[in-house]
Amino acid sequence: MDRATNDSVIADSAAPAGAQRSPRQPLGGGERAVSVAAGGLLAGWGIRRGGALGWAAGLAGGLLVARGLAGMAPVRRAFAPSRLEEEEARKRGWSSAAAASWSVTINRPRQELYDFWRNFANLAEIMEYVEKVEVTDETRSEWSVKGPAGVTLKWTALMTEDVPGQRIAWSSEEKAMVKNTGWVEFRDAPAGQGTEVHAVILYKPPAGQTGRMLAKLLHREPTIQLRRDLRRFKQLMEAGEITVNMPQSLVNG
């Protein structure tokens, strides 16, 4: 459960003439409003424009909107990082972390599901934005993932834990374009109903807390994608194929 956050209320005040704002000093009320309004206009133009330039404008506009909203206490509370995100960011020295956690029950034996996941090359079949995973040795794999505006993001992942039939954990190397880590666990479901698969994925948002908030506002947060990927995993393991257009009930869990 997310930890409750107590925000201190900081009165808006104008900085002295010629003074420079500290990077951590909150925006004033007027500046927040301007940031939200300007960001909305820029994002709208970017959506209408389309293409790489439009995408860049839309992203910049979205970041301005998120920046303005971030200064509002109710919004900060709504988008406050979870305890897991805070702990992982602190442990790994990241400025912030975005976490996804989801579980699904699959009517297949635990060992079979573990064996599929243990070969990381298979994950390109179930993870929507993964283009390719090339296993280079027993512990390392090279990942190619679809990024914004057609950009391919690549990194090397190192397997950090492997408990046959039960748990697999991994972490990207320090120089990765997108720093990330995660684990997946396989447990026997009650009453012989197959296997409970529980996955957790964390990554360092490229734009820090603002980028994390923007992802939530655009419904591109990792939990939504992880939920879709696990549903695809369930379809492939139970039916032998993945339905291209999943029913909304499956997408929403």
Protein backbone atom coordinates (compact mmCIF):
# COMPACT_ATOMS: atom_id res chain seq x y z
CA MET A 1 0.00 0.00 0.00
CA ASP A 2 1.22 3.47 -0.81
CA ARG A 3 2.57 5.38 2.12
CA ALA A 4 0.54 8.43 3.10
CA THR A 5 2.31 11.69 2.33
CA ASN A 6 1.94 14.86 4.39
CA ASP A 7 2.58 17.90 2.20
CA SER A 8 3.58 21.11 3.86
CA VAL A 9 1.70 24.14 2.61
CA ILE A 10 4.07 26.74 1.23
CA ALA A 11 2.71 30.23 0.67
CA ASP A 12 3.30 31.69 -2.77
CA SER A 13 5.63 34.64 -2.73
CA ALA A 14 7.38 36.66 -5.38
CA ALA A 15 11.17 36.38 -5.48
CA PRO A 16 13.20 39.57 -5.01
CA ALA A 17 14.07 41.38 -8.23
CA GLY A 18 17.08 39.83 -9.92
CA ALA A 19 17.08 36.78 -7.67
CA GLN A 20 17.45 33.35 -9.25
CA ARG A 21 15.09 30.54 -8.31
CA SER A 22 16.52 27.56 -6.49
CA PRO A 23 15.95 24.32 -8.49
CA ARG A 24 13.89 23.00 -5.55
CA GLN A 25 11.89 26.19 -4.93
CA PRO A 26 8.20 25.62 -5.76
CA LEU A 27 6.48 27.53 -8.56
CA GLY A 28 4.20 30.40 -7.64
CA GLY A 29 0.48 30.16 -8.36
CA GLY A 30 0.68 32.37 -11.45
CA GLU A 31 3.63 30.43 -12.86
CA ARG A 32 1.81 27.13 -12.35
CA ALA A 33 -1.21 28.42 -14.26
CA VAL A 34 0.96 29.70 -17.11
CA SER A 35 2.85 26.40 -17.25
CA VAL A 36 -0.39 24.38 -17.47
CA ALA A 37 -1.96 26.70 -20.08
CA ALA A 38 1.14 26.94 -22.27
CA GLY A 39 1.76 23.22 -22.00
CA GLY A 40 -1.81 22.44 -23.02
CA LEU A 41 -1.55 24.65 -26.10
CA LEU A 42 1.81 23.17 -27.11
CA ALA A 43 0.58 19.60 -26.57
CA GLY A 44 -2.54 20.28 -28.62
CA TRP A 45 -0.48 21.69 -31.47
CA GLY A 46 1.84 18.70 -31.34
CA ILE A 47 -1.06 16.23 -31.55
CA ARG A 48 -2.49 18.05 -34.58
CA ARG A 49 0.94 18.36 -36.22
CA GLY A 50 1.85 14.68 -35.90
CA GLY A 51 5.18 13.15 -36.88
CA ALA A 52 8.43 13.37 -34.96
CA LEU A 53 8.20 17.16 -34.54
CA GLY A 54 4.63 16.91 -33.32
CA TRP A 55 5.54 14.15 -30.89
CA ALA A 56 8.41 16.25 -29.49
CA ALA A 57 6.12 19.26 -29.10
CA GLY A 58 3.43 17.13 -27.49
CA LEU A 59 5.91 15.68 -25.02
CA ALA A 60 7.29 19.11 -24.17
CA GLY A 61 3.77 20.42 -23.67
CA GLY A 62 2.88 17.46 -21.51
CA LEU A 63 5.93 18.05 -19.35
CA LEU A 64 4.92 21.70 -18.89
CA VAL A 65 1.44 20.62 -17.83
CA ALA A 66 2.86 18.06 -15.40
CA ARG A 67 5.31 20.67 -14.08
CA GLY A 68 2.49 23.08 -13.37
CA LEU A 69 0.26 20.46 -11.78
CA ALA A 70 3.12 19.15 -9.66
CA GLY A 71 3.05 22.36 -7.65
CA MET A 72 -0.51 21.75 -6.47
CA ALA A 73 -0.80 19.87 -3.17
CA PRO A 74 -3.82 17.68 -4.11
CA VAL A 75 -2.08 16.61 -7.32
CA ARG A 76 1.17 15.90 -5.49
CA ARG A 77 -0.69 13.68 -3.07
CA ALA A 78 -2.51 11.84 -5.87
CA PHE A 79 0.71 11.14 -7.74
CA ALA A 80 2.97 10.66 -4.73
CA PRO A 81 5.47 7.81 -5.12
CA SER A 82 4.70 4.54 -3.38
CA ARG A 83 6.85 3.16 -0.59
CA LEU A 84 8.37 0.65 -3.03
CA GLU A 85 9.25 3.43 -5.49
CA GLU A 86 10.83 5.54 -2.77
CA GLU A 87 12.82 2.63 -1.34
CA GLU A 88 14.09 1.43 -4.73
CA ALA A 89 15.06 4.94 -5.85
CA ARG A 90 16.99 5.46 -2.61
CA LYS A 91 18.66 2.05 -2.78
CA ARG A 92 19.77 2.50 -6.38
CA GLY A 93 20.70 6.17 -6.18
CA TRP A 94 18.02 7.21 -8.69
CA SER A 95 16.37 10.61 -8.51
CA SER A 96 13.00 8.83 -8.74
CA ALA A 97 11.53 5.45 -9.66
CA ALA A 98 8.35 4.27 -11.37
CA ALA A 99 7.08 0.84 -10.38
CA ALA A 100 4.61 -1.63 -11.85
CA SER A 101 3.23 -4.65 -10.03
CA TRP A 102 0.61 -7.07 -11.30
CA SER A 103 -0.49 -10.69 -10.86
CA VAL A 104 -2.36 -13.12 -13.08
CA THR A 105 -3.43 -16.75 -12.65
CA ILE A 106 -2.57 -18.99 -15.60
CA ASN A 107 -3.97 -22.48 -15.93
CA ARG A 108 -0.62 -24.11 -16.71
CA PRO A 109 2.03 -25.83 -14.54
CA ARG A 110 4.44 -23.58 -12.69
CA GLN A 111 7.55 -25.18 -14.22
CA GLU A 112 6.26 -24.67 -17.75
CA LEU A 113 5.69 -20.95 -17.17
CA TYR A 114 9.07 -20.57 -15.50
CA ASP A 115 10.82 -22.31 -18.41
CA PHE A 116 9.19 -19.96 -20.92
CA TRP A 117 10.20 -16.83 -19.00
CA ARG A 118 13.68 -18.14 -18.18
CA ASN A 119 14.51 -17.89 -21.89
CA PHE A 120 14.30 -14.09 -22.16
CA ALA A 121 14.20 -14.32 -25.96
CA ASN A 122 10.60 -15.54 -25.58
CA LEU A 123 9.51 -12.30 -23.92
CA ALA A 124 9.36 -10.44 -27.24
CA GLU A 125 6.28 -12.58 -27.98
CA ILE A 126 4.31 -11.30 -25.01
CA MET A 127 5.70 -7.81 -24.32
CA GLU A 128 4.05 -5.40 -26.69
CA TYR A 129 6.86 -2.85 -27.00
CA VAL A 130 9.78 -5.27 -26.95
CA GLU A 131 11.19 -5.72 -30.46
CA LYS A 132 13.82 -8.32 -29.66
CA VAL A 133 15.70 -9.93 -26.77
CA GLU A 134 18.96 -11.64 -27.63
CA VAL A 135 20.37 -13.95 -24.97
CA THR A 136 24.18 -13.60 -25.03
CA ASP A 137 25.11 -15.98 -22.19
CA GLU A 138 23.65 -17.62 -19.08
CA THR A 139 23.15 -14.33 -17.25
CA ARG A 140 23.10 -11.55 -19.86
CA SER A 141 20.63 -10.51 -22.54
CA GLU A 142 20.44 -7.61 -25.02
CA TRP A 143 17.08 -5.79 -25.15
CA SER A 144 15.65 -3.69 -27.99
CA VAL A 145 12.47 -1.82 -27.08
CA LYS A 146 10.23 0.51 -29.08
CA GLY A 147 10.52 4.05 -27.77
CA PRO A 148 8.73 7.31 -28.64
CA ALA A 149 8.77 8.62 -32.22
CA GLY A 150 10.06 5.33 -33.59
CA VAL A 151 13.29 5.42 -31.56
CA THR A 152 14.64 2.01 -30.49
CA LEU A 153 15.99 1.88 -26.95
CA LYS A 154 18.64 -0.73 -26.16
CA TRP A 155 20.27 -2.01 -23.00
CA THR A 156 21.95 -5.06 -21.49
CA ALA A 157 20.18 -6.85 -18.65
CA LEU A 158 21.91 -9.02 -16.07
CA MET A 159 20.07 -11.87 -14.36
CA THR A 160 20.56 -11.31 -10.64
CA GLU A 161 18.53 -14.21 -9.22
CA ASP A 162 17.34 -17.55 -10.56
CA VAL A 163 15.40 -19.99 -8.39
CA PRO A 164 14.24 -22.78 -10.75
CA GLY A 165 10.47 -22.97 -11.00
CA GLN A 166 9.97 -20.10 -8.54
CA ARG A 167 11.65 -16.75 -9.17
CA ILE A 168 13.70 -14.83 -11.74
CA ALA A 169 15.17 -11.35 -11.15
CA TRP A 170 17.14 -9.05 -13.42
CA SER A 171 18.62 -5.56 -13.58
CA SER A 172 19.94 -3.39 -16.39
CA GLU A 173 23.60 -2.52 -16.49
CA GLU A 174 24.59 0.91 -15.16
CA LYS A 175 25.14 2.43 -18.63
CA ALA A 176 21.69 1.40 -19.88
CA MET A 177 19.66 3.97 -21.86
CA VAL A 178 16.74 3.21 -19.53
CA LYS A 179 17.79 2.00 -16.09
CA ASN A 180 15.42 -0.71 -14.90
CA THR A 181 15.08 -3.76 -12.70
CA GLY A 182 12.43 -6.34 -11.93
CA TRP A 183 11.46 -9.83 -10.89
CA VAL A 184 8.77 -12.42 -11.54
CA GLU A 185 7.57 -15.14 -9.17
CA PHE A 186 5.64 -18.34 -9.88
CA ARG A 187 3.45 -19.91 -7.18
CA ASP A 188 0.99 -22.78 -7.24
CA ALA A 189 -2.55 -21.42 -7.34
CA PRO A 190 -5.07 -22.71 -4.75
CA ALA A 191 -7.23 -25.73 -5.54
CA GLY A 192 -5.07 -26.82 -8.47
CA GLN A 193 -6.07 -23.81 -10.58
CA GLY A 194 -2.68 -23.50 -12.26
CA THR A 195 -0.05 -20.92 -11.36
CA GLU A 196 -0.09 -17.45 -9.88
CA VAL A 197 2.39 -15.24 -11.73
CA HIS A 198 3.43 -12.08 -9.91
CA ALA A 199 5.67 -9.57 -11.69
CA VAL A 200 7.30 -6.33 -10.55
CA ILE A 201 9.12 -3.91 -12.86
CA LEU A 202 10.81 -0.65 -11.89
CA TYR A 203 12.59 1.93 -14.02
CA LYS A 204 14.14 5.37 -13.68
CA PRO A 205 11.88 7.92 -15.45
CA PRO A 206 13.94 9.94 -17.96
CA ALA A 207 12.41 13.22 -16.72
CA GLY A 208 12.33 12.35 -13.02
CA GLN A 209 9.14 12.89 -11.03
CA THR A 210 7.72 15.12 -13.78
CA GLY A 211 8.15 12.33 -16.32
CA ARG A 212 6.60 9.87 -13.89
CA MET A 213 3.55 12.12 -13.46
CA LEU A 214 3.27 12.65 -17.22
CA ALA A 215 3.23 8.90 -17.82
CA LYS A 216 0.33 8.57 -15.40
CA LEU A 217 -1.56 11.46 -16.98
CA LEU A 218 -1.16 9.89 -20.43
CA HIS A 219 -2.05 6.40 -19.16
CA ARG A 220 1.39 5.19 -20.23
CA GLU A 221 2.40 4.20 -16.73
CA PRO A 222 4.19 0.83 -16.44
CA THR A 223 1.39 -0.91 -14.51
CA ILE A 224 -1.00 -0.60 -17.47
CA GLN A 225 1.56 -2.08 -19.86
CA LEU A 226 2.56 -4.85 -17.44
CA ARG A 227 -1.08 -5.79 -17.04
CA ARG A 228 -1.49 -6.05 -20.81
CA ASP A 229 1.72 -8.07 -21.17
CA LEU A 230 0.72 -10.57 -18.50
CA ARG A 231 -2.67 -11.01 -20.14
CA ARG A 232 -0.86 -11.75 -23.41
CA PHE A 233 1.30 -14.27 -21.53
CA LYS A 234 -1.85 -15.92 -20.18
CA GLN A 235 -3.40 -16.14 -23.66
CA LEU A 236 -0.28 -17.62 -25.21
CA MET A 237 0.21 -20.22 -22.49
CA GLU A 238 -3.43 -21.29 -22.23
CA ALA A 239 -4.62 -20.95 -25.84
CA GLY A 240 -1.37 -21.20 -27.78
CA GLU A 241 -1.88 -17.81 -29.43
CA ILE A 242 -2.38 -14.14 -28.63
CA THR A 243 -5.55 -12.35 -29.69
CA VAL A 244 -4.58 -9.11 -31.41
CA ASN A 245 -7.61 -7.16 -30.16
CA MET A 246 -8.04 -8.23 -26.56
CA PRO A 247 -11.44 -7.78 -24.94
CA GLN A 248 -11.56 -4.70 -22.71
CA SER A 249 -12.24 -6.93 -19.70
CA LEU A 250 -8.86 -8.58 -20.24
CA VAL A 251 -7.05 -5.30 -20.76
CA ASN A 252 -8.53 -3.85 -17.57
CA GLY A 253 -7.94 -6.99 -15.53
